[in-house]
Amino acid sequence: MMNILAVFIGGGLGSLARYGISTVVAAAINSSLPVATFISNLSSCLIFGVTFYLFPEKMLENSTFKLLLITGFCGGFSTFSTFSYETLELFRSGNVFYGIANIVVSIVCCSAILYFLFSEKIVR
């Protein structure tokens, strides 16, 4: 029961954080590009990687902490479905270059963060 509660609380907090970023970005930037989703996904990868870096022993076991932060928070904070939808909308609106750029930049940046944090030179 504790594991379910950890995922529930983490997911709710992650979703609220994503909503907060969307609200702030929409107020600050007038753009048709999916900047808020990019920031959320990038931040989620950073949190994921830094958490594994700082607490490797907790991440290798099936701990409540891992379920709260990684499965719950990062799962609620990042959003593949919104990324996919916004990319499709870029294509539909004729912004093929921006659609392709969104895919490439998002995947490269998010993967680079995790690669950098998980490389054997950095992770203990």
N, C-alpha and C. Protein backbone atom coordinates (compact mmCIF):
# COMPACT_ATOMS: atom_id res chain seq x y z
N MET A 1 0.82 -1.20 0.00
CA MET A 1 0.00 0.00 0.00
C MET A 1 0.87 1.26 0.00
N MET A 2 2.00 1.19 0.71
CA MET A 2 2.89 2.35 0.78
C MET A 2 3.48 2.68 -0.58
N ASN A 3 3.79 1.65 -1.37
CA ASN A 3 4.33 1.88 -2.71
C ASN A 3 3.32 2.59 -3.61
N ILE A 4 2.08 2.17 -3.54
CA ILE A 4 1.02 2.81 -4.35
C ILE A 4 0.86 4.26 -3.93
N LEU A 5 0.90 4.53 -2.65
CA LEU A 5 0.78 5.90 -2.16
C LEU A 5 1.97 6.75 -2.61
N ALA A 6 3.16 6.18 -2.61
CA ALA A 6 4.36 6.91 -3.05
C ALA A 6 4.25 7.31 -4.52
N VAL A 7 3.81 6.38 -5.37
CA VAL A 7 3.64 6.68 -6.80
C VAL A 7 2.54 7.73 -6.98
N PHE A 8 1.46 7.59 -6.25
CA PHE A 8 0.33 8.52 -6.33
C PHE A 8 0.75 9.95 -5.96
N ILE A 9 1.43 10.09 -4.85
CA ILE A 9 1.87 11.42 -4.39
C ILE A 9 2.92 11.99 -5.34
N GLY A 10 3.90 11.20 -5.72
CA GLY A 10 4.92 11.66 -6.65
C GLY A 10 4.34 12.07 -7.99
N GLY A 11 3.43 11.25 -8.53
CA GLY A 11 2.80 11.56 -9.81
C GLY A 11 1.99 12.84 -9.75
N GLY A 12 1.28 13.04 -8.66
CA GLY A 12 0.50 14.26 -8.50
C GLY A 12 1.39 15.49 -8.43
N LEU A 13 2.47 15.39 -7.66
CA LEU A 13 3.40 16.52 -7.55
C LEU A 13 4.09 16.80 -8.88
N GLY A 14 4.45 15.74 -9.61
CA GLY A 14 5.08 15.92 -10.92
C GLY A 14 4.13 16.58 -11.91
N SER A 15 2.87 16.17 -11.89
CA SER A 15 1.88 16.77 -12.78
C SER A 15 1.65 18.24 -12.43
N LEU A 16 1.61 18.55 -11.16
CA LEU A 16 1.47 19.95 -10.74
C LEU A 16 2.67 20.78 -11.16
N ALA A 17 3.86 20.20 -11.06
CA ALA A 17 5.07 20.91 -11.49
C ALA A 17 5.03 21.17 -13.00
N ARG A 18 4.58 20.18 -13.76
CA ARG A 18 4.47 20.35 -15.21
C ARG A 18 3.45 21.43 -15.54
N TYR A 19 2.33 21.43 -14.85
CA TYR A 19 1.31 22.46 -15.05
C TYR A 19 1.88 23.84 -14.72
N GLY A 20 2.64 23.93 -13.63
CA GLY A 20 3.26 25.20 -13.24
C GLY A 20 4.21 25.71 -14.31
N ILE A 21 5.03 24.83 -14.85
CA ILE A 21 5.96 25.23 -15.92
C ILE A 21 5.18 25.69 -17.14
N SER A 22 4.14 24.98 -17.50
CA SER A 22 3.32 25.37 -18.65
C SER A 22 2.72 26.75 -18.46
N THR A 23 2.24 27.03 -17.26
CA THR A 23 1.64 28.33 -16.96
C THR A 23 2.67 29.45 -17.02
N VAL A 24 3.82 29.23 -16.43
CA VAL A 24 4.88 30.25 -16.41
C VAL A 24 5.41 30.51 -17.82
N VAL A 25 5.66 29.44 -18.58
CA VAL A 25 6.18 29.59 -19.92
C VAL A 25 5.16 30.29 -20.83
N ALA A 26 3.89 29.92 -20.71
CA ALA A 26 2.86 30.56 -21.53
C ALA A 26 2.76 32.05 -21.25
N ALA A 27 2.96 32.44 -19.99
CA ALA A 27 2.90 33.86 -19.63
C ALA A 27 4.15 34.60 -20.06
N ALA A 28 5.28 33.91 -20.11
CA ALA A 28 6.55 34.57 -20.40
C ALA A 28 6.93 34.56 -21.87
N ILE A 29 6.50 33.52 -22.59
CA ILE A 29 6.94 33.35 -23.98
C ILE A 29 5.72 33.21 -24.88
N ASN A 30 5.65 34.04 -25.87
CA ASN A 30 4.57 33.94 -26.85
C ASN A 30 5.12 33.20 -28.07
N SER A 31 4.96 31.87 -28.04
CA SER A 31 5.54 31.05 -29.10
C SER A 31 4.63 29.89 -29.41
N SER A 32 4.62 29.48 -30.65
CA SER A 32 3.86 28.29 -31.04
C SER A 32 4.70 27.02 -30.86
N LEU A 33 5.94 27.19 -30.46
CA LEU A 33 6.81 26.04 -30.22
C LEU A 33 6.52 25.45 -28.85
N PRO A 34 6.66 24.14 -28.69
CA PRO A 34 6.35 23.48 -27.42
C PRO A 34 7.48 23.63 -26.38
N VAL A 35 7.73 24.85 -25.98
CA VAL A 35 8.84 25.14 -25.06
C VAL A 35 8.59 24.54 -23.68
N ALA A 36 7.37 24.65 -23.16
CA ALA A 36 7.06 24.14 -21.81
C ALA A 36 7.26 22.63 -21.73
N THR A 37 6.83 21.91 -22.75
CA THR A 37 7.00 20.46 -22.76
C THR A 37 8.49 20.11 -22.82
N PHE A 38 9.24 20.83 -23.63
CA PHE A 38 10.68 20.60 -23.72
C PHE A 38 11.34 20.82 -22.36
N ILE A 39 10.99 21.91 -21.69
CA ILE A 39 11.57 22.21 -20.37
C ILE A 39 11.19 21.13 -19.36
N SER A 40 9.94 20.70 -19.36
CA SER A 40 9.51 19.65 -18.43
C SER A 40 10.26 18.35 -18.67
N ASN A 41 10.35 17.94 -19.93
CA ASN A 41 11.02 16.68 -20.24
C ASN A 41 12.52 16.74 -19.93
N LEU A 42 13.14 17.86 -20.26
CA LEU A 42 14.56 18.05 -19.98
C LEU A 42 14.81 18.05 -18.47
N SER A 43 13.98 18.76 -17.73
CA SER A 43 14.11 18.82 -16.27
C SER A 43 13.89 17.45 -15.64
N SER A 44 12.92 16.71 -16.17
CA SER A 44 12.65 15.38 -15.64
C SER A 44 13.85 14.46 -15.83
N CYS A 45 14.48 14.53 -17.00
CA CYS A 45 15.69 13.72 -17.24
C CYS A 45 16.82 14.14 -16.31
N LEU A 46 16.94 15.42 -16.06
CA LEU A 46 17.97 15.92 -15.15
C LEU A 46 17.71 15.40 -13.73
N ILE A 47 16.48 15.50 -13.27
CA ILE A 47 16.12 15.00 -11.93
C ILE A 47 16.39 13.50 -11.85
N PHE A 48 15.98 12.77 -12.87
CA PHE A 48 16.20 11.32 -12.94
C PHE A 48 17.68 11.00 -12.80
N GLY A 49 18.50 11.65 -13.64
CA GLY A 49 19.93 11.37 -13.63
C GLY A 49 20.63 11.79 -12.35
N VAL A 50 20.30 12.97 -11.85
CA VAL A 50 20.92 13.47 -10.62
C VAL A 50 20.53 12.58 -9.43
N THR A 51 19.28 12.12 -9.42
CA THR A 51 18.85 11.24 -8.33
C THR A 51 19.64 9.93 -8.34
N PHE A 52 19.84 9.35 -9.52
CA PHE A 52 20.65 8.14 -9.61
C PHE A 52 22.11 8.41 -9.24
N TYR A 53 22.58 9.61 -9.55
CA TYR A 53 23.95 9.98 -9.20
C TYR A 53 24.12 10.13 -7.69
N LEU A 54 23.18 10.81 -7.05
CA LEU A 54 23.29 11.09 -5.62
C LEU A 54 22.92 9.90 -4.74
N PHE A 55 21.99 9.07 -5.20
CA PHE A 55 21.49 7.96 -4.38
C PHE A 55 21.51 6.64 -5.14
N PRO A 56 22.66 6.22 -5.62
CA PRO A 56 22.70 5.01 -6.47
C PRO A 56 22.19 3.76 -5.76
N GLU A 57 22.49 3.62 -4.48
CA GLU A 57 22.06 2.42 -3.77
C GLU A 57 20.55 2.37 -3.62
N LYS A 58 19.91 3.51 -3.42
CA LYS A 58 18.44 3.55 -3.30
C LYS A 58 17.77 3.30 -4.65
N MET A 59 18.44 3.64 -5.73
CA MET A 59 17.84 3.48 -7.04
C MET A 59 17.96 2.06 -7.55
N LEU A 60 18.93 1.30 -7.03
CA LEU A 60 19.11 -0.07 -7.48
C LEU A 60 18.18 -1.04 -6.77
N GLU A 61 17.63 -0.62 -5.65
CA GLU A 61 16.66 -1.45 -4.95
C GLU A 61 15.26 -0.91 -5.22
N ASN A 62 14.27 -1.68 -4.97
CA ASN A 62 12.89 -1.25 -5.21
C ASN A 62 12.39 -0.50 -3.99
N SER A 63 12.91 0.70 -3.78
CA SER A 63 12.58 1.46 -2.59
C SER A 63 11.39 2.38 -2.81
N THR A 64 10.76 2.76 -1.73
CA THR A 64 9.65 3.72 -1.78
C THR A 64 10.14 5.05 -2.31
N PHE A 65 11.36 5.41 -1.97
CA PHE A 65 11.96 6.66 -2.46
C PHE A 65 12.03 6.67 -3.98
N LYS A 66 12.47 5.55 -4.56
CA LYS A 66 12.56 5.43 -6.01
C LYS A 66 11.17 5.53 -6.64
N LEU A 67 10.20 4.88 -6.05
CA LEU A 67 8.83 4.93 -6.58
C LEU A 67 8.26 6.34 -6.49
N LEU A 68 8.54 7.04 -5.41
CA LEU A 68 8.05 8.41 -5.24
C LEU A 68 8.67 9.35 -6.25
N LEU A 69 9.99 9.33 -6.35
CA LEU A 69 10.68 10.32 -7.17
C LEU A 69 10.79 9.94 -8.64
N ILE A 70 11.17 8.73 -8.94
CA ILE A 70 11.41 8.34 -10.33
C ILE A 70 10.09 7.94 -11.03
N THR A 71 9.43 6.93 -10.50
CA THR A 71 8.19 6.46 -11.13
C THR A 71 7.10 7.52 -11.02
N GLY A 72 6.90 8.06 -9.82
CA GLY A 72 5.84 9.03 -9.60
C GLY A 72 6.13 10.41 -10.14
N PHE A 73 7.09 11.10 -9.52
CA PHE A 73 7.34 12.50 -9.89
C PHE A 73 7.82 12.64 -11.33
N CYS A 74 8.87 11.92 -11.69
CA CYS A 74 9.40 12.05 -13.06
C CYS A 74 8.38 11.56 -14.09
N GLY A 75 7.62 10.53 -13.74
CA GLY A 75 6.57 10.04 -14.64
C GLY A 75 5.47 11.07 -14.84
N GLY A 76 5.10 11.78 -13.78
CA GLY A 76 4.08 12.82 -13.90
C GLY A 76 4.60 14.11 -14.49
N PHE A 77 5.88 14.36 -14.31
CA PHE A 77 6.50 15.61 -14.75
C PHE A 77 6.85 15.59 -16.23
N SER A 78 7.36 14.47 -16.70
CA SER A 78 7.68 14.36 -18.12
C SER A 78 6.42 13.94 -18.87
N THR A 79 6.42 14.17 -20.15
CA THR A 79 5.20 13.87 -20.88
C THR A 79 5.47 13.50 -22.33
N PHE A 80 5.50 12.21 -22.60
CA PHE A 80 5.73 11.76 -23.96
C PHE A 80 4.49 11.98 -24.83
N SER A 81 3.32 11.81 -24.26
CA SER A 81 2.10 11.98 -25.05
C SER A 81 1.94 13.43 -25.51
N THR A 82 2.21 14.38 -24.64
CA THR A 82 2.11 15.79 -25.04
C THR A 82 3.19 16.13 -26.04
N PHE A 83 4.40 15.63 -25.84
CA PHE A 83 5.48 15.82 -26.80
C PHE A 83 5.06 15.31 -28.18
N SER A 84 4.48 14.12 -28.22
CA SER A 84 4.05 13.54 -29.49
C SER A 84 2.94 14.36 -30.13
N TYR A 85 1.96 14.77 -29.34
CA TYR A 85 0.84 15.56 -29.86
C TYR A 85 1.32 16.91 -30.40
N GLU A 86 2.16 17.59 -29.63
CA GLU A 86 2.64 18.91 -30.06
C GLU A 86 3.51 18.80 -31.32
N THR A 87 4.26 17.73 -31.43
CA THR A 87 5.06 17.51 -32.63
C THR A 87 4.14 17.27 -33.83
N LEU A 88 3.13 16.45 -33.64
CA LEU A 88 2.16 16.21 -34.71
C LEU A 88 1.48 17.51 -35.13
N GLU A 89 1.13 18.37 -34.19
CA GLU A 89 0.50 19.65 -34.51
C GLU A 89 1.44 20.56 -35.29
N LEU A 90 2.73 20.50 -34.98
CA LEU A 90 3.70 21.27 -35.77
C LEU A 90 3.69 20.79 -37.22
N PHE A 91 3.67 19.48 -37.42
CA PHE A 91 3.61 18.93 -38.78
C PHE A 91 2.31 19.33 -39.48
N ARG A 92 1.20 19.20 -38.77
CA ARG A 92 -0.12 19.53 -39.35
C ARG A 92 -0.24 20.99 -39.76
N SER A 93 0.42 21.86 -39.01
CA SER A 93 0.33 23.29 -39.31
C SER A 93 1.35 23.72 -40.36
N GLY A 94 2.08 22.76 -40.92
CA GLY A 94 3.03 23.07 -41.98
C GLY A 94 4.42 23.40 -41.50
N ASN A 95 4.66 23.29 -40.21
CA ASN A 95 5.98 23.59 -39.63
C ASN A 95 6.81 22.30 -39.53
N VAL A 96 7.07 21.71 -40.67
CA VAL A 96 7.80 20.44 -40.71
C VAL A 96 9.19 20.57 -40.11
N PHE A 97 9.88 21.64 -40.44
CA PHE A 97 11.23 21.85 -39.89
C PHE A 97 11.18 21.88 -38.36
N TYR A 98 10.23 22.64 -37.79
CA TYR A 98 10.14 22.73 -36.34
C TYR A 98 9.71 21.40 -35.72
N GLY A 99 8.89 20.64 -36.41
CA GLY A 99 8.50 19.33 -35.93
C GLY A 99 9.69 18.39 -35.85
N ILE A 100 10.47 18.36 -36.91
CA ILE A 100 11.68 17.52 -36.92
C ILE A 100 12.68 18.02 -35.88
N ALA A 101 12.84 19.33 -35.81
CA ALA A 101 13.76 19.91 -34.83
C ALA A 101 13.32 19.57 -33.41
N ASN A 102 12.01 19.60 -33.15
CA ASN A 102 11.50 19.26 -31.82
C ASN A 102 11.86 17.82 -31.46
N ILE A 103 11.70 16.92 -32.40
CA ILE A 103 12.04 15.51 -32.15
C ILE A 103 13.54 15.37 -31.89
N VAL A 104 14.35 15.90 -32.78
CA VAL A 104 15.80 15.73 -32.68
C VAL A 104 16.35 16.40 -31.42
N VAL A 105 16.00 17.67 -31.22
CA VAL A 105 16.55 18.41 -30.07
C VAL A 105 16.10 17.78 -28.76
N SER A 106 14.83 17.40 -28.66
CA SER A 106 14.34 16.79 -27.41
C SER A 106 15.05 15.48 -27.11
N ILE A 107 15.13 14.61 -28.09
CA ILE A 107 15.76 13.31 -27.86
C ILE A 107 17.26 13.45 -27.60
N VAL A 108 17.92 14.28 -28.37
CA VAL A 108 19.37 14.47 -28.19
C VAL A 108 19.66 15.08 -26.82
N CYS A 109 18.96 16.13 -26.46
CA CYS A 109 19.24 16.81 -25.18
C CYS A 109 18.92 15.92 -23.98
N CYS A 110 17.75 15.28 -24.00
CA CYS A 110 17.38 14.41 -22.87
C CYS A 110 18.33 13.22 -22.76
N SER A 111 18.67 12.63 -23.90
CA SER A 111 19.61 11.50 -23.87
C SER A 111 21.00 11.94 -23.45
N ALA A 112 21.42 13.12 -23.87
CA ALA A 112 22.74 13.64 -23.50
C ALA A 112 22.85 13.87 -21.99
N ILE A 113 21.80 14.38 -21.39
CA ILE A 113 21.80 14.58 -19.94
C ILE A 113 22.03 13.24 -19.24
N LEU A 114 21.25 12.25 -19.62
CA LEU A 114 21.39 10.95 -18.97
C LEU A 114 22.72 10.28 -19.30
N TYR A 115 23.18 10.40 -20.53
CA TYR A 115 24.47 9.84 -20.89
C TYR A 115 25.58 10.47 -20.05
N PHE A 116 25.56 11.79 -19.95
CA PHE A 116 26.58 12.49 -19.19
C PHE A 116 26.56 12.07 -17.71
N LEU A 117 25.37 11.99 -17.12
CA LEU A 117 25.28 11.63 -15.71
C LEU A 117 25.56 10.16 -15.45
N PHE A 118 25.29 9.29 -16.43
CA PHE A 118 25.51 7.87 -16.24
C PHE A 118 26.84 7.38 -16.78
N SER A 119 27.62 8.28 -17.40
CA SER A 119 28.91 7.82 -17.91
C SER A 119 29.78 7.37 -16.74
N GLU A 120 30.65 6.44 -17.00
CA GLU A 120 31.43 5.86 -15.91
C GLU A 120 32.37 6.86 -15.25
N LYS A 121 32.61 7.99 -15.89
CA LYS A 121 33.48 9.00 -15.30
C LYS A 121 32.77 9.79 -14.19
N ILE A 122 31.43 9.83 -14.23
CA ILE A 122 30.70 10.66 -13.28
C ILE A 122 29.98 9.84 -12.23
N VAL A 123 29.25 8.80 -12.64
CA VAL A 123 28.50 8.00 -11.68
C VAL A 123 29.48 7.15 -10.89
N ARG A 124 29.28 7.09 -9.60
CA ARG A 124 30.17 6.37 -8.69
C ARG A 124 30.29 4.92 -9.04
